[in-house]
Amino acid sequence: MKILLSINPEHVENILQGTKRFEFRKVKCKNDVKMILIYSTSPVMKVVAEVEVKGIIENDPELLWEVTSEFAGISKNFFDKYYQGKNLAIAYELGEINIFKKPKSLEDFGINFAPQSFVYIN
């Protein structure tokens, strides 16, 4: 199963450079996810790559940070603000990346607007 995630261009760049090897979310997909399509939000507004999902980690935010901090690609302050008041944190462990030579539009995947969280792709 593939999902498409909307990700801030700064974080996209860190993923593509390999300094961010985890994508953090507040909600886990119900289906088993093997690939993530990366939609870089404004000003890029294109699907720029797809990345393998090596695993999904669910844990208390503090424990998740201990496991992911070396390759989180974000600061502890940013992480803490994102999960403020939450008891559960999700991290998709990212693997092999396929950067598209020509970025694609959402319409190429039958999507009319960027998802707030994620959308399943067939």
PDB file of N, CA and C in Angstrom:
ATOM      1  N   MET A   1       0.850  -1.184   0.000  1.00  0.00           N
ATOM      2  CA  MET A   1       0.000   0.000   0.000  1.00  0.00           C
ATOM      3  C   MET A   1       0.889   1.238   0.000  1.00  0.00           C
ATOM      4  N   LYS A   2       0.483   2.246  -0.769  1.00  0.00           N
ATOM      5  CA  LYS A   2       1.168   3.542  -0.829  1.00  0.00           C
ATOM      6  C   LYS A   2       0.276   4.602  -0.221  1.00  0.00           C
ATOM      7  N   ILE A   3       0.934   5.581   0.399  1.00  0.00           N
ATOM      8  CA  ILE A   3       0.231   6.782   0.837  1.00  0.00           C
ATOM      9  C   ILE A   3       0.964   7.993   0.278  1.00  0.00           C
ATOM     10  N   LEU A   4       0.231   9.080   0.164  1.00  0.00           N
ATOM     11  CA  LEU A   4       0.826  10.352  -0.213  1.00  0.00           C
ATOM     12  C   LEU A   4       0.768  11.251   1.012  1.00  0.00           C
ATOM     13  N   LEU A   5       1.929  11.820   1.380  1.00  0.00           N
ATOM     14  CA  LEU A   5       2.012  12.728   2.518  1.00  0.00           C
ATOM     15  C   LEU A   5       2.367  14.122   2.040  1.00  0.00           C
ATOM     16  N   SER A   6       1.732  15.114   2.618  1.00  0.00           N
ATOM     17  CA  SER A   6       2.098  16.507   2.410  1.00  0.00           C
ATOM     18  C   SER A   6       3.190  16.847   3.420  1.00  0.00           C
ATOM     19  N   ILE A   7       4.336  17.311   2.916  1.00  0.00           N
ATOM     20  CA  ILE A   7       5.479  17.601   3.780  1.00  0.00           C
ATOM     21  C   ILE A   7       6.058  18.960   3.395  1.00  0.00           C
ATOM     22  N   ASN A   8       6.417  19.749   4.401  1.00  0.00           N
ATOM     23  CA  ASN A   8       7.036  21.053   4.217  1.00  0.00           C
ATOM     24  C   ASN A   8       8.333  20.905   3.422  1.00  0.00           C
ATOM     25  N   PRO A   9       8.598  21.792   2.446  1.00  0.00           N
ATOM     26  CA  PRO A   9       9.797  21.678   1.604  1.00  0.00           C
ATOM     27  C   PRO A   9      11.117  21.552   2.376  1.00  0.00           C
ATOM     28  N   GLU A  10      11.223  22.231   3.503  1.00  0.00           N
ATOM     29  CA  GLU A  10      12.443  22.131   4.319  1.00  0.00           C
ATOM     30  C   GLU A  10      12.671  20.686   4.772  1.00  0.00           C
ATOM     31  N   HIS A  11      11.613  20.038   5.214  1.00  0.00           N
ATOM     32  CA  HIS A  11      11.716  18.647   5.667  1.00  0.00           C
ATOM     33  C   HIS A  11      11.921  17.704   4.488  1.00  0.00           C
ATOM     34  N   VAL A  12      11.301  18.022   3.353  1.00  0.00           N
ATOM     35  CA  VAL A  12      11.496  17.215   2.144  1.00  0.00           C
ATOM     36  C   VAL A  12      12.971  17.210   1.773  1.00  0.00           C
ATOM     37  N   GLU A  13      13.586  18.371   1.791  1.00  0.00           N
ATOM     38  CA  GLU A  13      15.003  18.479   1.436  1.00  0.00           C
ATOM     39  C   GLU A  13      15.858  17.627   2.366  1.00  0.00           C
ATOM     40  N   ASN A  14      15.548  17.640   3.653  1.00  0.00           N
ATOM     41  CA  ASN A  14      16.296  16.826   4.621  1.00  0.00           C
ATOM     42  C   ASN A  14      16.097  15.332   4.372  1.00  0.00           C
ATOM     43  N   ILE A  15      14.894  14.943   3.965  1.00  0.00           N
ATOM     44  CA  ILE A  15      14.634  13.533   3.629  1.00  0.00           C
ATOM     45  C   ILE A  15      15.455  13.150   2.406  1.00  0.00           C
ATOM     46  N   LEU A  16      15.428  13.984   1.375  1.00  0.00           N
ATOM     47  CA  LEU A  16      16.129  13.676   0.131  1.00  0.00           C
ATOM     48  C   LEU A  16      17.644  13.635   0.331  1.00  0.00           C
ATOM     49  N   GLN A  17      18.149  14.419   1.283  1.00  0.00           N
ATOM     50  CA  GLN A  17      19.586  14.437   1.571  1.00  0.00           C
ATOM     51  C   GLN A  17      19.993  13.325   2.545  1.00  0.00           C
ATOM     52  N   GLY A  18      19.008  12.639   3.141  1.00  0.00           N
ATOM     53  CA  GLY A  18      19.303  11.543   4.053  1.00  0.00           C
ATOM     54  C   GLY A  18      19.554  11.934   5.493  1.00  0.00           C
ATOM     55  N   THR A  19      19.352  13.216   5.831  1.00  0.00           N
ATOM     56  CA  THR A  19      19.561  13.650   7.213  1.00  0.00           C
ATOM     57  C   THR A  19      18.296  13.480   8.057  1.00  0.00           C
ATOM     58  N   LYS A  20      17.176  13.265   7.404  1.00  0.00           N
ATOM     59  CA  LYS A  20      15.897  13.005   8.098  1.00  0.00           C
ATOM     60  C   LYS A  20      15.432  11.625   7.648  1.00  0.00           C
ATOM     61  N   ARG A  21      15.540  10.650   8.526  1.00  0.00           N
ATOM     62  CA  ARG A  21      15.199   9.270   8.176  1.00  0.00           C
ATOM     63  C   ARG A  21      13.915   8.786   8.847  1.00  0.00           C
ATOM     64  N   PHE A  22      13.223   9.722   9.472  1.00  0.00           N
ATOM     65  CA  PHE A  22      11.941   9.412  10.103  1.00  0.00           C
ATOM     66  C   PHE A  22      10.951  10.507   9.746  1.00  0.00           C
ATOM     67  N   GLU A  23       9.733  10.101   9.433  1.00  0.00           N
ATOM     68  CA  GLU A  23       8.657  11.060   9.207  1.00  0.00           C
ATOM     69  C   GLU A  23       7.671  10.891  10.346  1.00  0.00           C
ATOM     70  N   PHE A  24       7.457  11.963  11.098  1.00  0.00           N
ATOM     71  CA  PHE A  24       6.643  11.918  12.304  1.00  0.00           C
ATOM     72  C   PHE A  24       5.204  12.300  12.005  1.00  0.00           C
ATOM     73  N   ARG A  25       4.293  11.557  12.616  1.00  0.00           N
ATOM     74  CA  ARG A  25       2.863  11.808  12.443  1.00  0.00           C
ATOM     75  C   ARG A  25       2.150  11.593  13.764  1.00  0.00           C
ATOM     76  N   LYS A  26       0.964  12.175  13.877  1.00  0.00           N
ATOM     77  CA  LYS A  26       0.141  11.996  15.072  1.00  0.00           C
ATOM     78  C   LYS A  26      -0.825  10.839  14.916  1.00  0.00           C
ATOM     79  N   VAL A  27      -1.108  10.473  13.661  1.00  0.00           N
ATOM     80  CA  VAL A  27      -2.064   9.404  13.376  1.00  0.00           C
ATOM     81  C   VAL A  27      -1.392   8.370  12.485  1.00  0.00           C
ATOM     82  N   LYS A  28      -1.587   7.106  12.804  1.00  0.00           N
ATOM     83  CA  LYS A  28      -1.036   6.009  12.006  1.00  0.00           C
ATOM     84  C   LYS A  28      -2.078   5.560  10.980  1.00  0.00           C
ATOM     85  N   CYS A  29      -1.613   5.243   9.794  1.00  0.00           N
ATOM     86  CA  CYS A  29      -2.502   4.690   8.771  1.00  0.00           C
ATOM     87  C   CYS A  29      -3.032   3.342   9.234  1.00  0.00           C
ATOM     88  N   LYS A  30      -4.270   3.051   8.901  1.00  0.00           N
ATOM     89  CA  LYS A  30      -4.859   1.765   9.274  1.00  0.00           C
ATOM     90  C   LYS A  30      -4.293   0.624   8.434  1.00  0.00           C
ATOM     91  N   ASN A  31      -4.000   0.912   7.163  1.00  0.00           N
ATOM     92  CA  ASN A  31      -3.466  -0.114   6.269  1.00  0.00           C
ATOM     93  C   ASN A  31      -1.946  -0.215   6.387  1.00  0.00           C
ATOM     94  N   ASP A  32      -1.420  -1.352   5.976  1.00  0.00           N
ATOM     95  CA  ASP A  32       0.017  -1.600   5.999  1.00  0.00           C
ATOM     96  C   ASP A  32       0.688  -0.791   4.880  1.00  0.00           C
ATOM     97  N   VAL A  33       1.518   0.156   5.237  1.00  0.00           N
ATOM     98  CA  VAL A  33       2.134   1.058   4.270  1.00  0.00           C
ATOM     99  C   VAL A  33       3.553   0.589   3.933  1.00  0.00           C
ATOM    100  N   LYS A  34       3.826   0.447   2.640  1.00  0.00           N
ATOM    101  CA  LYS A  34       5.151   0.037   2.158  1.00  0.00           C
ATOM    102  C   LYS A  34       5.904   1.183   1.499  1.00  0.00           C
ATOM    103  N   MET A  35       5.162   2.158   0.938  1.00  0.00           N
ATOM    104  CA  MET A  35       5.773   3.280   0.215  1.00  0.00           C
ATOM    105  C   MET A  35       5.045   4.581   0.553  1.00  0.00           C
ATOM    106  N   ILE A  36       5.823   5.661   0.584  1.00  0.00           N
ATOM    107  CA  ILE A  36       5.266   6.995   0.784  1.00  0.00           C
ATOM    108  C   ILE A  36       5.626   7.846  -0.428  1.00  0.00           C
ATOM    109  N   LEU A  37       4.611   8.458  -1.034  1.00  0.00           N
ATOM    110  CA  LEU A  37       4.830   9.476  -2.054  1.00  0.00           C
ATOM    111  C   LEU A  37       4.970  10.800  -1.315  1.00  0.00           C
ATOM    112  N   ILE A  38       6.009  11.555  -1.640  1.00  0.00           N
ATOM    113  CA  ILE A  38       6.291  12.806  -0.939  1.00  0.00           C
ATOM    114  C   ILE A  38       5.807  13.986  -1.764  1.00  0.00           C
ATOM    115  N   TYR A  39       4.784  14.659  -1.229  1.00  0.00           N
ATOM    116  CA  TYR A  39       4.278  15.886  -1.837  1.00  0.00           C
ATOM    117  C   TYR A  39       4.894  17.061  -1.089  1.00  0.00           C
ATOM    118  N   SER A  40       5.732  17.825  -1.778  1.00  0.00           N
ATOM    119  CA  SER A  40       6.357  19.000  -1.192  1.00  0.00           C
ATOM    120  C   SER A  40       5.367  20.162  -1.293  1.00  0.00           C
ATOM    121  N   THR A  41       4.999  20.708  -0.138  1.00  0.00           N
ATOM    122  CA  THR A  41       3.974  21.749  -0.085  1.00  0.00           C
ATOM    123  C   THR A  41       4.497  23.074  -0.664  1.00  0.00           C
ATOM    124  N   SER A  42       3.692  24.096  -0.583  1.00  0.00           N
ATOM    125  CA  SER A  42       4.005  25.408  -1.149  1.00  0.00           C
ATOM    126  C   SER A  42       5.372  25.908  -0.673  1.00  0.00           C
ATOM    127  N   PRO A  43       6.181  26.444  -1.554  1.00  0.00           N
ATOM    128  CA  PRO A  43       5.870  26.893  -2.904  1.00  0.00           C
ATOM    129  C   PRO A  43       6.094  25.830  -4.001  1.00  0.00           C
ATOM    130  N   VAL A  44       6.616  24.640  -3.651  1.00  0.00           N
ATOM    131  CA  VAL A  44       6.942  23.618  -4.654  1.00  0.00           C
ATOM    132  C   VAL A  44       5.668  23.025  -5.260  1.00  0.00           C
ATOM    133  N   MET A  45       4.809  22.510  -4.395  1.00  0.00           N
ATOM    134  CA  MET A  45       3.505  21.959  -4.774  1.00  0.00           C
ATOM    135  C   MET A  45       3.601  20.870  -5.848  1.00  0.00           C
ATOM    136  N   LYS A  46       4.520  19.928  -5.629  1.00  0.00           N
ATOM    137  CA  LYS A  46       4.715  18.798  -6.546  1.00  0.00           C
ATOM    138  C   LYS A  46       5.040  17.545  -5.743  1.00  0.00           C
ATOM    139  N   VAL A  47       4.754  16.384  -6.350  1.00  0.00           N
ATOM    140  CA  VAL A  47       5.181  15.102  -5.790  1.00  0.00           C
ATOM    141  C   VAL A  47       6.596  14.892  -6.315  1.00  0.00           C
ATOM    142  N   VAL A  48       7.568  14.903  -5.412  1.00  0.00           N
ATOM    143  CA  VAL A  48       8.975  14.950  -5.817  1.00  0.00           C
ATOM    144  C   VAL A  48       9.709  13.621  -5.696  1.00  0.00           C
ATOM    145  N   ALA A  49       9.149  12.679  -4.923  1.00  0.00           N
ATOM    146  CA  ALA A  49       9.855  11.418  -4.700  1.00  0.00           C
ATOM    147  C   ALA A  49       8.925  10.393  -4.077  1.00  0.00           C
ATOM    148  N   GLU A  50       9.410   9.159  -4.062  1.00  0.00           N
ATOM    149  CA  GLU A  50       8.751   8.129  -3.262  1.00  0.00           C
ATOM    150  C   GLU A  50       9.831   7.467  -2.430  1.00  0.00           C
ATOM    151  N   VAL A  51       9.441   7.021  -1.247  1.00  0.00           N
ATOM    152  CA  VAL A  51      10.400   6.449  -0.316  1.00  0.00           C
ATOM    153  C   VAL A  51       9.813   5.178   0.307  1.00  0.00           C
ATOM    154  N   GLU A  52      10.681   4.204   0.487  1.00  0.00           N
ATOM    155  CA  GLU A  52      10.306   2.939   1.108  1.00  0.00           C
ATOM    156  C   GLU A  52      10.060   3.162   2.601  1.00  0.00           C
ATOM    157  N   VAL A  53       9.075   2.461   3.145  1.00  0.00           N
ATOM    158  CA  VAL A  53       8.836   2.468   4.588  1.00  0.00           C
ATOM    159  C   VAL A  53       9.454   1.194   5.155  1.00  0.00           C
ATOM    160  N   LYS A  54      10.521   1.360   5.947  1.00  0.00           N
ATOM    161  CA  LYS A  54      11.209   0.211   6.540  1.00  0.00           C
ATOM    162  C   LYS A  54      10.479  -0.313   7.766  1.00  0.00           C
ATOM    163  N   GLY A  55       9.763   0.578   8.430  1.00  0.00           N
ATOM    164  CA  GLY A  55       9.032   0.190   9.626  1.00  0.00           C
ATOM    165  C   GLY A  55       8.257   1.365  10.182  1.00  0.00           C
ATOM    166  N   ILE A  56       7.387   1.060  11.130  1.00  0.00           N
ATOM    167  CA  ILE A  56       6.590   2.092  11.798  1.00  0.00           C
ATOM    168  C   ILE A  56       6.787   1.908  13.295  1.00  0.00           C
ATOM    169  N   ILE A  57       7.138   2.998  13.946  1.00  0.00           N
ATOM    170  CA  ILE A  57       7.353   2.969  15.398  1.00  0.00           C
ATOM    171  C   ILE A  57       6.234   3.760  16.055  1.00  0.00           C
ATOM    172  N   GLU A  58       5.599   3.135  17.045  1.00  0.00           N
ATOM    173  CA  GLU A  58       4.564   3.796  17.844  1.00  0.00           C
ATOM    174  C   GLU A  58       5.029   3.778  19.285  1.00  0.00           C
ATOM    175  N   ASN A  59       5.030   4.944  19.934  1.00  0.00           N
ATOM    176  CA  ASN A  59       5.493   4.973  21.309  1.00  0.00           C
ATOM    177  C   ASN A  59       5.100   6.290  21.965  1.00  0.00           C
ATOM    178  N   ASP A  60       5.367   6.366  23.245  1.00  0.00           N
ATOM    179  CA  ASP A  60       5.270   7.607  23.988  1.00  0.00           C
ATOM    180  C   ASP A  60       6.228   8.604  23.321  1.00  0.00           C
ATOM    181  N   PRO A  61       5.843   9.867  23.181  1.00  0.00           N
ATOM    182  CA  PRO A  61       6.720  10.819  22.488  1.00  0.00           C
ATOM    183  C   PRO A  61       8.165  10.849  23.011  1.00  0.00           C
ATOM    184  N   GLU A  62       8.348  10.838  24.308  1.00  0.00           N
ATOM    185  CA  GLU A  62       9.721  10.903  24.838  1.00  0.00           C
ATOM    186  C   GLU A  62      10.536   9.673  24.468  1.00  0.00           C
ATOM    187  N   LEU A  63       9.913   8.507  24.532  1.00  0.00           N
ATOM    188  CA  LEU A  63      10.614   7.284  24.169  1.00  0.00           C
ATOM    189  C   LEU A  63      10.888   7.238  22.663  1.00  0.00           C
ATOM    190  N   LEU A  64       9.937   7.731  21.878  1.00  0.00           N
ATOM    191  CA  LEU A  64      10.135   7.777  20.431  1.00  0.00           C
ATOM    192  C   LEU A  64      11.316   8.690  20.090  1.00  0.00           C
ATOM    193  N   TRP A  65      11.417   9.832  20.773  1.00  0.00           N
ATOM    194  CA  TRP A  65      12.529  10.749  20.520  1.00  0.00           C
ATOM    195  C   TRP A  65      13.870  10.070  20.813  1.00  0.00           C
ATOM    196  N   GLU A  66      13.939   9.309  21.891  1.00  0.00           N
ATOM    197  CA  GLU A  66      15.183   8.606  22.235  1.00  0.00           C
ATOM    198  C   GLU A  66      15.629   7.692  21.101  1.00  0.00           C
ATOM    199  N   VAL A  67      14.689   7.033  20.455  1.00  0.00           N
ATOM    200  CA  VAL A  67      14.994   6.081  19.386  1.00  0.00           C
ATOM    201  C   VAL A  67      15.329   6.783  18.063  1.00  0.00           C
ATOM    202  N   THR A  68      14.702   7.922  17.797  1.00  0.00           N
ATOM    203  CA  THR A  68      14.793   8.540  16.469  1.00  0.00           C
ATOM    204  C   THR A  68      15.647   9.804  16.407  1.00  0.00           C
ATOM    205  N   SER A  69      16.061  10.343  17.527  1.00  0.00           N
ATOM    206  CA  SER A  69      16.654  11.689  17.551  1.00  0.00           C
ATOM    207  C   SER A  69      17.865  11.863  16.644  1.00  0.00           C
ATOM    208  N   GLU A  70      18.712  10.841  16.496  1.00  0.00           N
ATOM    209  CA  GLU A  70      19.924  10.986  15.687  1.00  0.00           C
ATOM    210  C   GLU A  70      19.610  11.337  14.228  1.00  0.00           C
ATOM    211  N   PHE A  71      18.525  10.757  13.697  1.00  0.00           N
ATOM    212  CA  PHE A  71      18.151  11.014  12.305  1.00  0.00           C
ATOM    213  C   PHE A  71      16.733  11.570  12.192  1.00  0.00           C
ATOM    214  N   ALA A  72      16.312  12.341  13.210  1.00  0.00           N
ATOM    215  CA  ALA A  72      14.969  12.925  13.207  1.00  0.00           C
ATOM    216  C   ALA A  72      14.848  14.022  12.157  1.00  0.00           C
ATOM    217  N   GLY A  73      15.929  14.749  11.925  1.00  0.00           N
ATOM    218  CA  GLY A  73      15.899  15.834  10.958  1.00  0.00           C
ATOM    219  C   GLY A  73      15.144  17.055  11.440  1.00  0.00           C
ATOM    220  N   ILE A  74      14.759  17.051  12.709  1.00  0.00           N
ATOM    221  CA  ILE A  74      14.075  18.183  13.332  1.00  0.00           C
ATOM    222  C   ILE A  74      14.662  18.375  14.726  1.00  0.00           C
ATOM    223  N   SER A  75      14.432  19.534  15.295  1.00  0.00           N
ATOM    224  CA  SER A  75      14.937  19.811  16.641  1.00  0.00           C
ATOM    225  C   SER A  75      14.032  19.194  17.702  1.00  0.00           C
ATOM    226  N   LYS A  76      14.572  19.026  18.884  1.00  0.00           N
ATOM    227  CA  LYS A  76      13.783  18.505  20.006  1.00  0.00           C
ATOM    228  C   LYS A  76      12.650  19.478  20.321  1.00  0.00           C
ATOM    229  N   ASN A  77      12.913  20.768  20.222  1.00  0.00           N
ATOM    230  CA  ASN A  77      11.892  21.786  20.486  1.00  0.00           C
ATOM    231  C   ASN A  77      10.729  21.646  19.504  1.00  0.00           C
ATOM    232  N   PHE A  78      11.032  21.492  18.216  1.00  0.00           N
ATOM    233  CA  PHE A  78      10.007  21.313  17.186  1.00  0.00           C
ATOM    234  C   PHE A  78       9.203  20.039  17.473  1.00  0.00           C
ATOM    235  N   PHE A  79       9.900  18.954  17.795  1.00  0.00           N
ATOM    236  CA  PHE A  79       9.276  17.665  18.110  1.00  0.00           C
ATOM    237  C   PHE A  79       8.324  17.817  19.298  1.00  0.00           C
ATOM    238  N   ASP A  80       8.797  18.458  20.368  1.00  0.00           N
ATOM    239  CA  ASP A  80       7.979  18.630  21.572  1.00  0.00           C
ATOM    240  C   ASP A  80       6.726  19.455  21.296  1.00  0.00           C
ATOM    241  N   LYS A  81       6.852  20.506  20.504  1.00  0.00           N
ATOM    242  CA  LYS A  81       5.681  21.324  20.166  1.00  0.00           C
ATOM    243  C   LYS A  81       4.675  20.516  19.341  1.00  0.00           C
ATOM    244  N   TYR A  82       5.181  19.722  18.399  1.00  0.00           N
ATOM    245  CA  TYR A  82       4.323  18.920  17.532  1.00  0.00           C
ATOM    246  C   TYR A  82       3.492  17.920  18.344  1.00  0.00           C
ATOM    247  N   TYR A  83       4.128  17.294  19.334  1.00  0.00           N
ATOM    248  CA  TYR A  83       3.441  16.265  20.123  1.00  0.00           C
ATOM    249  C   TYR A  83       2.919  16.766  21.469  1.00  0.00           C
ATOM    250  N   GLN A  84       2.893  18.074  21.669  1.00  0.00           N
ATOM    251  CA  GLN A  84       2.420  18.629  22.936  1.00  0.00           C
ATOM    252  C   GLN A  84       1.026  18.116  23.271  1.00  0.00           C
ATOM    253  N   GLY A  85       0.872  17.553  24.460  1.00  0.00           N
ATOM    254  CA  GLY A  85      -0.414  17.045  24.917  1.00  0.00           C
ATOM    255  C   GLY A  85      -0.785  15.676  24.375  1.00  0.00           C
ATOM    256  N   LYS A  86       0.090  15.071  23.591  1.00  0.00           N
ATOM    257  CA  LYS A  86      -0.190  13.749  23.011  1.00  0.00           C
ATOM    258  C   LYS A  86       0.500  12.655  23.820  1.00  0.00           C
ATOM    259  N   ASN A  87      -0.158  11.510  23.907  1.00  0.00           N
ATOM    260  CA  ASN A  87       0.406  10.355  24.612  1.00  0.00           C
ATOM    261  C   ASN A  87       1.031   9.339  23.665  1.00  0.00           C
ATOM    262  N   LEU A  88       0.742   9.494  22.375  1.00  0.00           N
ATOM    263  CA  LEU A  88       1.241   8.543  21.384  1.00  0.00           C
ATOM    264  C   LEU A  88       1.851   9.303  20.211  1.00  0.00           C
ATOM    265  N   ALA A  89       3.012   8.822  19.778  1.00  0.00           N
ATOM    266  CA  ALA A  89       3.703   9.415  18.637  1.00  0.00           C
ATOM    267  C   ALA A  89       4.018   8.310  17.636  1.00  0.00           C
ATOM    268  N   ILE A  90       3.942   8.658  16.357  1.00  0.00           N
ATOM    269  CA  ILE A  90       4.171   7.709  15.267  1.00  0.00           C
ATOM    270  C   ILE A  90       5.371   8.194  14.456  1.00  0.00           C
ATOM    271  N   ALA A  91       6.242   7.265  14.076  1.00  0.00           N
ATOM    272  CA  ALA A  91       7.356   7.595  13.180  1.00  0.00           C
ATOM    273  C   ALA A  91       7.439   6.527  12.099  1.00  0.00           C
ATOM    274  N   TYR A  92       7.428   6.984  10.856  1.00  0.00           N
ATOM    275  CA  TYR A  92       7.674   6.090   9.722  1.00  0.00           C
ATOM    276  C   TYR A  92       9.174   6.093   9.487  1.00  0.00           C
ATOM    277  N   GLU A  93       9.791   4.914   9.575  1.00  0.00           N
ATOM    278  CA  GLU A  93      11.225   4.804   9.303  1.00  0.00           C
ATOM    279  C   GLU A  93      11.404   4.725   7.794  1.00  0.00           C
ATOM    280  N   LEU A  94      12.156   5.671   7.252  1.00  0.00           N
ATOM    281  CA  LEU A  94      12.302   5.798   5.810  1.00  0.00           C
ATOM    282  C   LEU A  94      13.512   5.027   5.311  1.00  0.00           C
ATOM    283  N   GLY A  95      13.334   4.380   4.160  1.00  0.00           N
ATOM    284  CA  GLY A  95      14.407   3.598   3.563  1.00  0.00           C
ATOM    285  C   GLY A  95      14.864   4.203   2.251  1.00  0.00           C
ATOM    286  N   GLU A  96      14.923   3.361   1.218  1.00  0.00           N
ATOM    287  CA  GLU A  96      15.419   3.775  -0.086  1.00  0.00           C
ATOM    288  C   GLU A  96      14.510   4.835  -0.711  1.00  0.00           C
ATOM    289  N   ILE A  97      15.150   5.853  -1.282  1.00  0.00           N
ATOM    290  CA  ILE A  97      14.429   6.982  -1.869  1.00  0.00           C
ATOM    291  C   ILE A  97      14.576   6.968  -3.387  1.00  0.00           C
ATOM    292  N   ASN A  98      13.462   7.180  -4.067  1.00  0.00           N
ATOM    293  CA  ASN A  98      13.460   7.343  -5.515  1.00  0.00           C
ATOM    294  C   ASN A  98      13.026   8.779  -5.810  1.00  0.00           C
ATOM    295  N   ILE A  99      14.001   9.620  -6.158  1.00  0.00           N
ATOM    296  CA  ILE A  99      13.701  11.021  -6.478  1.00  0.00           C
ATOM    297  C   ILE A  99      13.278  11.082  -7.939  1.00  0.00           C
ATOM    298  N   PHE A 100      12.130  11.686  -8.194  1.00  0.00           N
ATOM    299  CA  PHE A 100      11.622  11.787  -9.555  1.00  0.00           C
ATOM    300  C   PHE A 100      12.447  12.800 -10.353  1.00  0.00           C
ATOM    301  N   LYS A 101      12.874  12.411 -11.536  1.00  0.00           N
ATOM    302  CA  LYS A 101      13.620  13.331 -12.414  1.00  0.00           C
ATOM    303  C   LYS A 101      12.736  14.530 -12.758  1.00  0.00           C
ATOM    304  N   LYS A 102      11.471  14.241 -12.995  1.00  0.00           N
ATOM    305  CA  LYS A 102      10.497  15.305 -13.273  1.00  0.00           C
ATOM    306  C   LYS A 102       9.398  15.204 -12.210  1.00  0.00           C
ATOM    307  N   PRO A 103       9.328  16.174 -11.280  1.00  0.00           N
ATOM    308  CA  PRO A 103       8.267  16.140 -10.257  1.00  0.00           C
ATOM    309  C   PRO A 103       6.888  16.028 -10.896  1.00  0.00           C
ATOM    310  N   LYS A 104       5.987  15.384 -10.171  1.00  0.00           N
ATOM    311  CA  LYS A 104       4.649  15.110 -10.702  1.00  0.00           C
ATOM    312  C   LYS A 104       3.600  15.953  -9.984  1.00  0.00           C
ATOM    313  N   SER A 105       2.498  16.146 -10.664  1.00  0.00           N
ATOM    314  CA  SER A 105       1.390  16.890 -10.056  1.00  0.00           C
ATOM    315  C   SER A 105       0.502  15.918  -9.273  1.00  0.00           C
ATOM    316  N   LEU A 106      -0.309  16.459  -8.401  1.00  0.00           N
ATOM    317  CA  LEU A 106      -1.275  15.637  -7.672  1.00  0.00           C
ATOM    318  C   LEU A 106      -2.242  14.974  -8.639  1.00  0.00           C
ATOM    319  N   GLU A 107      -2.599  15.683  -9.699  1.00  0.00           N
ATOM    320  CA  GLU A 107      -3.530  15.158 -10.691  1.00  0.00           C
ATOM    321  C   GLU A 107      -2.999  13.881 -11.348  1.00  0.00           C
ATOM    322  N   ASP A 108      -1.665  13.747 -11.432  1.00  0.00           N
ATOM    323  CA  ASP A 108      -1.062  12.525 -11.983  1.00  0.00           C
ATOM    324  C   ASP A 108      -1.458  11.290 -11.169  1.00  0.00           C
ATOM    325  N   PHE A 109      -1.878  11.512  -9.928  1.00  0.00           N
ATOM    326  CA  PHE A 109      -2.281  10.422  -9.036  1.00  0.00           C
ATOM    327  C   PHE A 109      -3.786  10.426  -8.769  1.00  0.00           C
ATOM    328  N   GLY A 110      -4.514  11.222  -9.526  1.00  0.00           N
ATOM    329  CA  GLY A 110      -5.961  11.287  -9.370  1.00  0.00           C
ATOM    330  C   GLY A 110      -6.401  12.061  -8.141  1.00  0.00           C
ATOM    331  N   ILE A 111      -5.568  12.976  -7.675  1.00  0.00           N
ATOM    332  CA  ILE A 111      -5.867  13.765  -6.473  1.00  0.00           C
ATOM    333  C   ILE A 111      -6.042  15.228  -6.879  1.00  0.00           C
ATOM    334  N   ASN A 112      -7.078  15.862  -6.342  1.00  0.00           N
ATOM    335  CA  ASN A 112      -7.376  17.245  -6.714  1.00  0.00           C
ATOM    336  C   ASN A 112      -6.800  18.287  -5.767  1.00  0.00           C
ATOM    337  N   PHE A 113      -6.512  17.892  -4.520  1.00  0.00           N
ATOM    338  CA  PHE A 113      -5.944  18.845  -3.571  1.00  0.00           C
ATOM    339  C   PHE A 113      -5.066  18.106  -2.573  1.00  0.00           C
ATOM    340  N   ALA A 114      -4.117  18.834  -2.015  1.00  0.00           N
ATOM    341  CA  ALA A 114      -3.155  18.242  -1.073  1.00  0.00           C
ATOM    342  C   ALA A 114      -3.872  17.767   0.184  1.00  0.00           C
ATOM    343  N   PRO A 115      -3.568  16.554   0.633  1.00  0.00           N
ATOM    344  CA  PRO A 115      -4.216  16.053   1.850  1.00  0.00           C
ATOM    345  C   PRO A 115      -3.702  16.768   3.092  1.00  0.00           C
ATOM    346  N   GLN A 116      -4.576  16.934   4.059  1.00  0.00           N
ATOM    347  CA  GLN A 116      -4.192  17.543   5.345  1.00  0.00           C
ATOM    348  C   GLN A 116      -3.230  16.604   6.075  1.00  0.00           C
ATOM    349  N   SER A 117      -3.476  15.324   6.036  1.00  0.00           N
ATOM    350  CA  SER A 117      -2.634  14.343   6.705  1.00  0.00           C
ATOM    351  C   SER A 117      -2.022  13.398   5.671  1.00  0.00           C
ATOM    352  N   PHE A 118      -2.850  12.482   5.149  1.00  0.00           N
ATOM    353  CA  PHE A 118      -2.379  11.558   4.127  1.00  0.00           C
ATOM    354  C   PHE A 118      -3.560  11.083   3.312  1.00  0.00           C
ATOM    355  N   VAL A 119      -3.245  10.457   2.182  1.00  0.00           N
ATOM    356  CA  VAL A 119      -4.275   9.843   1.356  1.00  0.00           C
ATOM    357  C   VAL A 119      -3.684   8.544   0.806  1.00  0.00           C
ATOM    358  N   TYR A 120      -4.515   7.500   0.757  1.00  0.00           N
ATOM    359  CA  TYR A 120      -4.073   6.223   0.181  1.00  0.00           C
ATOM    360  C   TYR A 120      -4.016   6.330  -1.329  1.00  0.00           C
ATOM    361  N   ILE A 121      -3.027   5.691  -1.921  1.00  0.00           N
ATOM    362  CA  ILE A 121      -2.867   5.655  -3.375  1.00  0.00           C
ATOM    363  C   ILE A 121      -2.925   4.210  -3.824  1.00  0.00           C
ATOM    364  N   ASN A 122      -3.746   3.937  -4.838  1.00  0.00           N
ATOM    365  CA  ASN A 122      -3.846   2.573  -5.366  1.00  0.00           C
ATOM    366  C   ASN A 122      -2.740   2.316  -6.370  1.00  0.00           C
TER     367      ASN A 122
END
